[in-house]
Amino acid sequence: MKLLRDCPLLVGIGTTAIILSVISFAFKDTAYADVGSGDEGPDEPAIARVFKAASMGIYPWTTGEEPDESLSTEEIPPEEESEPGDGASNESSPEEVQQEDADISGNSSFDLSGNDGTFDVSGNSAEDEVYEFTDVDDDYFTDALFIGDSRTVGLSEYCEALDTRATFYAKVSLTIYDCMTKDFIKTDDGKMNLEEALTKQQYGKIYIMLGINEIGTGNEEYFKNAYSEVIDKIRELQPDAIIYIQGIMHVTKAKSSVDKFFNNGNIDARNAAIAELADNHDIFYIDMNEAVDDGEGNLDDSLTFDDVHLKASSYERWHEFLLHNGIIR
């Protein structure tokens, strides 16, 4: 009792060793019958057999059947299979592989060569086709819709080739924030908003230029998010239309250099933001500033009467730019 009180750990170890030795002898002809590689020394204690068996996954309650090697530490169950080349083996027979719903290689059962029209391993598809801007004629705009503010109003008033072919939903002071909900489109029965109008007729192309009036509201990210919502709604209502996001037209250097909000730095930041909305498949970004700039990133002051809007004769530059930047699908 004194030993138990003074050295409980030693007593515990000794007791455990005796129990394990008894277990080793008791099961040497059953569960532990196959334990041992034949290299045990004559003085190897019986307890060693218990630890060796445990390292092999054999315990006194083991039935003596062959261990299931398909779930050894060197392999992964089928539902957790790794990709080929990671060291995991697969010993299923060809017949078993054919019965599986999925290809054990990690690939689907579809032909990825593209020959069956389902998948293309290259990642290319009809929707990945690259479109390039090309020249078009005025008849290209017969099924076009132009959405915009006073600058687009000017395009309809001073460009007969477009006004006689395309539809214009434009209003002085219109913004990206209210273009969908504001009742500005005149009809025989009164006025309606853009969202309602887009349910009445389908268009092949839709051109948008908005952003100058709201340039003092929010930052470019806020503007971009609002623009994105408008694009999404247009795409929902006009699923087959090519959408052209037109960059906001610059102001003159004289205007830009003195105005806190209406300056070309702010315009360029917002143009860069909305350009990111283009997917180059059915939404394209075009920047007509290249047709009216002075070479320094400002609206050419000879083309405007107020530093912001084009002169009547200057709208032809915008028209010509559109004729050289069409998408044919």
Protein backbone atom coordinates (compact mmCIF):
# COMPACT_ATOMS: atom_id res chain seq x y z
CA MET A 1 0.00 0.00 0.00
CA LYS A 2 2.89 2.31 0.77
CA LEU A 3 4.27 1.70 -2.72
CA LEU A 4 0.88 2.44 -4.28
CA ARG A 5 0.64 5.64 -2.30
CA ASP A 6 4.18 6.80 -3.00
CA CYS A 7 4.60 5.63 -6.63
CA PRO A 8 1.15 5.35 -8.26
CA LEU A 9 2.53 5.86 -11.78
CA LEU A 10 5.03 3.03 -11.43
CA VAL A 11 2.35 0.71 -10.10
CA GLY A 12 0.07 1.68 -12.99
CA ILE A 13 2.73 0.96 -15.59
CA GLY A 14 3.53 -2.37 -14.07
CA THR A 15 -0.11 -3.38 -13.88
CA THR A 16 -0.69 -2.40 -17.50
CA ALA A 17 2.34 -4.41 -18.63
CA ILE A 18 1.04 -7.49 -16.83
CA ILE A 19 -2.44 -7.11 -18.39
CA LEU A 20 -1.03 -6.66 -21.91
CA SER A 21 1.26 -9.68 -21.47
CA VAL A 22 -1.71 -11.79 -20.42
CA ILE A 23 -3.66 -10.56 -23.49
CA SER A 24 -0.71 -11.43 -25.73
CA PHE A 25 -0.63 -15.02 -24.47
CA ALA A 26 -4.41 -15.35 -24.51
CA PHE A 27 -4.78 -14.36 -28.17
CA LYS A 28 -1.50 -15.63 -29.62
CA ASP A 29 -3.26 -18.39 -31.53
CA THR A 30 -6.30 -16.35 -32.65
CA ALA A 31 -6.23 -12.60 -33.26
CA TYR A 32 -2.41 -12.47 -32.96
CA ALA A 33 -1.72 -15.66 -34.89
CA ASP A 34 -0.26 -13.86 -37.91
CA VAL A 35 1.53 -11.11 -35.99
CA GLY A 36 5.30 -11.16 -36.34
CA SER A 37 7.66 -11.05 -39.23
CA GLY A 38 9.79 -13.89 -38.02
CA ASP A 39 12.62 -11.67 -36.87
CA GLU A 40 11.69 -11.56 -33.16
CA GLY A 41 14.51 -12.35 -30.86
CA PRO A 42 14.23 -15.20 -28.34
CA ASP A 43 14.11 -12.70 -25.47
CA GLU A 44 11.44 -10.43 -27.00
CA PRO A 45 8.76 -9.86 -24.35
CA ALA A 46 5.21 -11.00 -25.00
CA ILE A 47 3.94 -7.49 -24.57
CA ALA A 48 5.78 -6.49 -27.75
CA ARG A 49 3.31 -8.61 -29.74
CA VAL A 50 0.41 -6.45 -28.52
CA PHE A 51 2.05 -3.20 -29.67
CA LYS A 52 3.14 -4.68 -32.99
CA ALA A 53 -0.38 -5.94 -33.63
CA ALA A 54 -1.87 -2.56 -32.76
CA SER A 55 0.45 -0.87 -35.28
CA MET A 56 -1.00 -3.24 -37.91
CA GLY A 57 -4.57 -2.45 -36.95
CA ILE A 58 -5.09 -5.83 -35.21
CA TYR A 59 -6.74 -5.96 -31.82
CA PRO A 60 -8.01 -8.78 -29.55
CA TRP A 61 -11.50 -8.40 -31.02
CA THR A 62 -10.22 -8.75 -34.60
CA THR A 63 -11.78 -11.81 -36.28
CA GLY A 64 -8.59 -12.97 -37.93
CA GLU A 65 -9.83 -12.07 -41.45
CA GLU A 66 -7.57 -10.26 -43.88
CA PRO A 67 -7.51 -6.52 -43.22
CA ASP A 68 -9.28 -4.31 -45.82
CA GLU A 69 -6.31 -2.88 -47.69
CA SER A 70 -8.53 -0.78 -49.98
CA LEU A 71 -8.81 1.79 -47.17
CA SER A 72 -5.17 1.80 -46.12
CA THR A 73 -3.42 5.07 -45.38
CA GLU A 74 -1.88 5.05 -48.84
CA GLU A 75 -5.19 5.19 -50.66
CA ILE A 76 -8.29 7.37 -50.63
CA PRO A 77 -11.90 6.17 -50.63
CA PRO A 78 -13.65 6.62 -54.02
CA GLU A 79 -15.72 9.57 -52.81
CA GLU A 80 -12.54 11.43 -51.89
CA GLU A 81 -10.37 10.45 -54.86
CA SER A 82 -7.59 12.81 -55.81
CA GLU A 83 -6.73 13.88 -59.32
CA PRO A 84 -4.37 11.58 -61.26
CA GLY A 85 -0.74 12.03 -60.40
CA ASP A 86 -1.16 12.77 -56.69
CA GLY A 87 0.04 9.33 -55.63
CA ALA A 88 -3.41 7.88 -54.94
CA SER A 89 -3.90 4.48 -56.53
CA ASN A 90 -7.07 2.97 -57.92
CA GLU A 91 -7.35 -0.78 -58.10
CA SER A 92 -10.92 -1.08 -59.44
CA SER A 93 -11.38 -3.48 -62.28
CA PRO A 94 -12.41 -2.22 -65.76
CA GLU A 95 -15.89 -3.66 -65.21
CA GLU A 96 -16.25 -1.75 -61.94
CA VAL A 97 -15.10 1.48 -63.56
CA GLN A 98 -17.73 1.20 -66.28
CA GLN A 99 -20.45 0.88 -63.69
CA GLU A 100 -19.51 4.13 -61.94
CA ASP A 101 -21.54 7.25 -62.74
CA ALA A 102 -18.40 9.38 -62.86
CA ASP A 103 -15.06 8.76 -64.50
CA ILE A 104 -12.58 7.90 -61.73
CA SER A 105 -9.94 9.97 -63.50
CA GLY A 106 -11.78 13.06 -62.30
CA ASN A 107 -13.20 13.92 -65.73
CA SER A 108 -16.89 13.77 -66.54
CA SER A 109 -18.31 11.05 -68.74
CA PHE A 110 -18.87 13.59 -71.54
CA ASP A 111 -16.58 13.73 -74.51
CA LEU A 112 -14.48 16.83 -73.87
CA SER A 113 -13.09 16.92 -77.35
CA GLY A 114 -16.04 18.98 -78.48
CA ASN A 115 -16.96 16.41 -81.11
CA ASP A 116 -20.35 15.78 -79.55
CA GLY A 117 -21.17 19.45 -79.23
CA THR A 118 -21.29 19.40 -75.44
CA PHE A 119 -17.97 20.52 -74.02
CA ASP A 120 -14.72 21.81 -75.43
CA VAL A 121 -11.67 21.17 -73.28
CA SER A 122 -10.09 24.32 -74.66
CA GLY A 123 -12.76 26.41 -72.94
CA ASN A 124 -13.90 27.98 -76.20
CA SER A 125 -17.52 28.06 -77.24
CA ALA A 126 -19.80 30.03 -79.52
CA GLU A 127 -20.24 32.63 -76.78
CA ASP A 128 -16.46 33.13 -76.58
CA GLU A 129 -16.26 34.42 -80.14
CA VAL A 130 -14.23 37.59 -80.42
CA TYR A 131 -15.92 40.47 -82.23
CA GLU A 132 -14.09 43.34 -83.85
CA PHE A 133 -15.38 46.80 -84.66
CA THR A 134 -16.03 47.31 -88.32
CA ASP A 135 -17.45 49.86 -90.75
CA VAL A 136 -21.21 49.94 -91.21
CA ASP A 137 -23.61 52.04 -93.25
CA ASP A 138 -26.53 54.13 -92.08
CA ASP A 139 -29.01 51.29 -92.52
CA TYR A 140 -27.25 49.60 -89.61
CA PHE A 141 -29.13 51.99 -87.33
CA THR A 142 -32.62 51.16 -88.58
CA ASP A 143 -33.23 48.96 -85.53
CA ALA A 144 -31.12 51.06 -83.15
CA LEU A 145 -32.18 52.91 -80.00
CA PHE A 146 -30.27 55.86 -78.54
CA ILE A 147 -30.66 56.66 -74.84
CA GLY A 148 -29.14 59.82 -73.44
CA ASP A 149 -29.27 63.37 -72.15
CA SER A 150 -29.09 66.72 -73.95
CA ARG A 151 -26.05 65.68 -75.96
CA THR A 152 -28.01 62.77 -77.44
CA VAL A 153 -30.94 65.12 -78.01
CA GLY A 154 -28.55 67.17 -80.14
CA LEU A 155 -27.53 64.06 -82.09
CA SER A 156 -31.15 63.43 -83.02
CA GLU A 157 -31.76 67.05 -83.95
CA TYR A 158 -28.66 67.62 -86.07
CA CYS A 159 -27.93 64.21 -87.60
CA GLU A 160 -30.70 63.45 -90.06
CA ALA A 161 -29.20 60.13 -91.15
CA LEU A 162 -29.67 58.78 -87.64
CA ASP A 163 -32.86 60.60 -86.72
CA THR A 164 -34.73 59.19 -89.74
CA ARG A 165 -33.68 55.62 -88.99
CA ALA A 166 -33.08 55.14 -85.29
CA THR A 167 -35.31 55.64 -82.24
CA PHE A 168 -34.26 58.25 -79.68
CA TYR A 169 -35.25 58.15 -76.02
CA ALA A 170 -33.35 61.23 -74.89
CA LYS A 171 -34.13 64.06 -72.52
CA VAL A 172 -32.30 67.15 -71.30
CA SER A 173 -30.81 66.53 -67.81
CA LEU A 174 -31.54 62.78 -67.90
CA THR A 175 -29.26 60.73 -65.61
CA ILE A 176 -28.37 57.11 -65.10
CA TYR A 177 -30.18 57.30 -61.76
CA ASP A 178 -33.60 58.23 -63.14
CA CYS A 179 -33.57 57.08 -66.76
CA MET A 180 -35.56 53.93 -66.02
CA THR A 181 -38.24 55.45 -63.80
CA LYS A 182 -38.70 59.00 -65.09
CA ASP A 183 -41.71 59.51 -67.40
CA PHE A 184 -40.09 61.35 -70.29
CA ILE A 185 -41.03 59.35 -73.38
CA LYS A 186 -43.99 60.89 -75.16
CA THR A 187 -46.72 58.65 -76.54
CA ASP A 188 -50.22 59.21 -77.91
CA ASP A 189 -51.55 58.37 -74.47
CA GLY A 190 -49.19 60.58 -72.50
CA LYS A 191 -45.72 59.80 -71.17
CA MET A 192 -44.04 56.60 -70.04
CA ASN A 193 -40.69 55.63 -68.56
CA LEU A 194 -37.87 53.80 -70.27
CA GLU A 195 -38.52 50.47 -68.59
CA GLU A 196 -42.08 50.44 -69.90
CA ALA A 197 -40.99 51.59 -73.35
CA LEU A 198 -38.47 48.75 -73.62
CA THR A 199 -41.31 46.25 -73.25
CA LYS A 200 -43.11 47.67 -76.28
CA GLN A 201 -40.51 47.05 -78.98
CA GLN A 202 -37.34 45.00 -79.45
CA TYR A 203 -34.17 46.62 -80.81
CA GLY A 204 -31.08 45.22 -82.46
CA LYS A 205 -28.71 47.82 -81.00
CA ILE A 206 -28.97 50.10 -78.00
CA TYR A 207 -26.61 53.05 -77.53
CA ILE A 208 -26.30 54.75 -74.14
CA MET A 209 -24.56 58.02 -73.25
CA LEU A 210 -25.33 59.23 -69.76
CA GLY A 211 -23.14 60.62 -67.01
CA ILE A 212 -22.42 64.31 -67.44
CA ASN A 213 -25.37 65.60 -65.39
CA GLU A 214 -24.74 63.28 -62.43
CA ILE A 215 -20.98 63.74 -62.30
CA GLY A 216 -21.24 65.60 -59.01
CA THR A 217 -23.24 62.78 -57.38
CA GLY A 218 -21.31 59.96 -55.72
CA ASN A 219 -17.97 58.57 -56.83
CA GLU A 220 -17.17 56.48 -59.89
CA GLU A 221 -17.94 53.21 -58.10
CA TYR A 222 -21.37 54.44 -57.09
CA PHE A 223 -21.95 55.58 -60.67
CA LYS A 224 -20.73 52.26 -62.06
CA ASN A 225 -23.10 50.28 -59.84
CA ALA A 226 -26.08 52.36 -60.95
CA TYR A 227 -25.00 51.98 -64.59
CA SER A 228 -24.68 48.23 -64.13
CA GLU A 229 -28.24 48.00 -62.81
CA VAL A 230 -29.51 49.84 -65.88
CA ILE A 231 -27.55 47.54 -68.18
CA ASP A 232 -28.95 44.49 -66.40
CA LYS A 233 -32.50 45.74 -66.77
CA ILE A 234 -31.98 46.53 -70.45
CA ARG A 235 -30.50 43.09 -71.01
CA GLU A 236 -33.50 41.54 -69.28
CA LEU A 237 -35.98 43.44 -71.45
CA GLN A 238 -33.92 43.37 -74.66
CA PRO A 239 -32.14 40.00 -74.62
CA ASP A 240 -31.05 40.05 -78.26
CA ALA A 241 -29.79 43.62 -78.51
CA ILE A 242 -26.17 44.66 -78.84
CA ILE A 243 -25.59 47.22 -76.09
CA TYR A 244 -23.11 50.03 -76.68
CA ILE A 245 -21.85 51.86 -73.62
CA GLN A 246 -20.65 55.20 -74.94
CA GLY A 247 -17.99 56.98 -72.94
CA ILE A 248 -19.04 60.33 -71.51
CA MET A 249 -18.01 63.16 -73.83
CA HIS A 250 -15.28 65.44 -72.48
CA VAL A 251 -15.57 69.14 -71.76
CA THR A 252 -13.12 71.75 -73.00
CA LYS A 253 -9.83 72.50 -71.28
CA ALA A 254 -11.18 75.89 -70.20
CA LYS A 255 -14.13 74.22 -68.47
CA SER A 256 -12.16 71.31 -67.03
CA SER A 257 -9.45 73.47 -65.47
CA VAL A 258 -11.82 75.55 -63.33
CA ASP A 259 -14.72 73.25 -62.48
CA LYS A 260 -14.52 71.10 -59.34
CA PHE A 261 -16.88 68.46 -60.69
CA PHE A 262 -17.28 68.89 -64.44
CA ASN A 263 -13.69 68.20 -65.36
CA ASN A 264 -12.07 65.61 -67.57
CA GLY A 265 -10.33 63.87 -64.70
CA ASN A 266 -13.69 62.94 -63.23
CA ILE A 267 -15.05 62.04 -66.65
CA ASP A 268 -12.10 59.76 -67.40
CA ALA A 269 -12.46 58.01 -64.03
CA ARG A 270 -16.12 57.30 -64.69
CA ASN A 271 -15.45 56.19 -68.24
CA ALA A 272 -12.85 53.72 -66.98
CA ALA A 273 -15.39 52.39 -64.49
CA ILE A 274 -18.22 51.80 -66.96
CA ALA A 275 -15.82 50.37 -69.55
CA GLU A 276 -15.45 47.43 -67.17
CA LEU A 277 -19.12 46.57 -67.70
CA ALA A 278 -18.45 45.55 -71.31
CA ASP A 279 -18.16 41.81 -71.98
CA ASN A 280 -17.22 42.22 -75.66
CA HIS A 281 -19.86 39.72 -76.61
CA ASP A 282 -23.13 41.63 -76.46
CA ILE A 283 -22.04 44.66 -74.42
CA PHE A 284 -19.35 46.90 -75.91
CA TYR A 285 -17.65 50.06 -74.75
CA ILE A 286 -16.98 52.76 -77.33
CA ASP A 287 -15.43 56.17 -76.70
CA MET A 288 -16.39 58.83 -79.19
CA ASN A 289 -14.01 61.31 -77.53
CA GLU A 290 -11.37 60.28 -80.03
CA ALA A 291 -13.52 61.95 -82.68
CA VAL A 292 -13.94 65.29 -80.87
CA ASP A 293 -10.87 65.68 -78.62
CA ASP A 294 -8.15 68.26 -79.14
CA GLY A 295 -5.31 65.76 -78.76
CA GLU A 296 -4.79 66.52 -75.07
CA GLY A 297 -7.83 64.75 -73.70
CA ASN A 298 -10.17 67.74 -73.84
CA LEU A 299 -13.15 68.56 -76.02
CA ASP A 300 -11.90 70.61 -78.96
CA ASP A 301 -13.08 74.13 -78.20
CA SER A 302 -13.69 74.81 -81.88
CA LEU A 303 -16.46 72.16 -81.89
CA THR A 304 -18.54 73.56 -79.03
CA PHE A 305 -20.49 76.71 -78.26
CA ASP A 306 -20.57 76.35 -74.45
CA ASP A 307 -17.59 74.11 -73.53
CA VAL A 308 -19.98 71.16 -72.98
CA HIS A 309 -22.28 70.66 -75.98
CA LEU A 310 -21.36 70.23 -79.63
CA LYS A 311 -22.21 72.77 -82.29
CA ALA A 312 -24.83 71.59 -84.79
CA SER A 313 -22.17 71.01 -87.46
CA SER A 314 -19.96 69.04 -85.06
CA TYR A 315 -22.41 66.19 -84.58
CA GLU A 316 -21.30 64.73 -87.88
CA ARG A 317 -18.05 63.70 -86.17
CA TRP A 318 -20.04 61.61 -83.73
CA HIS A 319 -22.02 60.12 -86.59
CA GLU A 320 -18.86 59.22 -88.48
CA PHE A 321 -17.37 57.63 -85.39
CA LEU A 322 -20.41 55.37 -85.05
CA LEU A 323 -20.17 54.36 -88.72
CA HIS A 324 -16.60 53.14 -88.12
CA ASN A 325 -17.34 51.30 -84.89
CA GLY A 326 -20.13 48.82 -85.49
CA ILE A 327 -20.39 45.19 -84.44
CA ILE A 328 -21.70 42.60 -86.88
CA ARG A 329 -22.83 39.28 -85.36
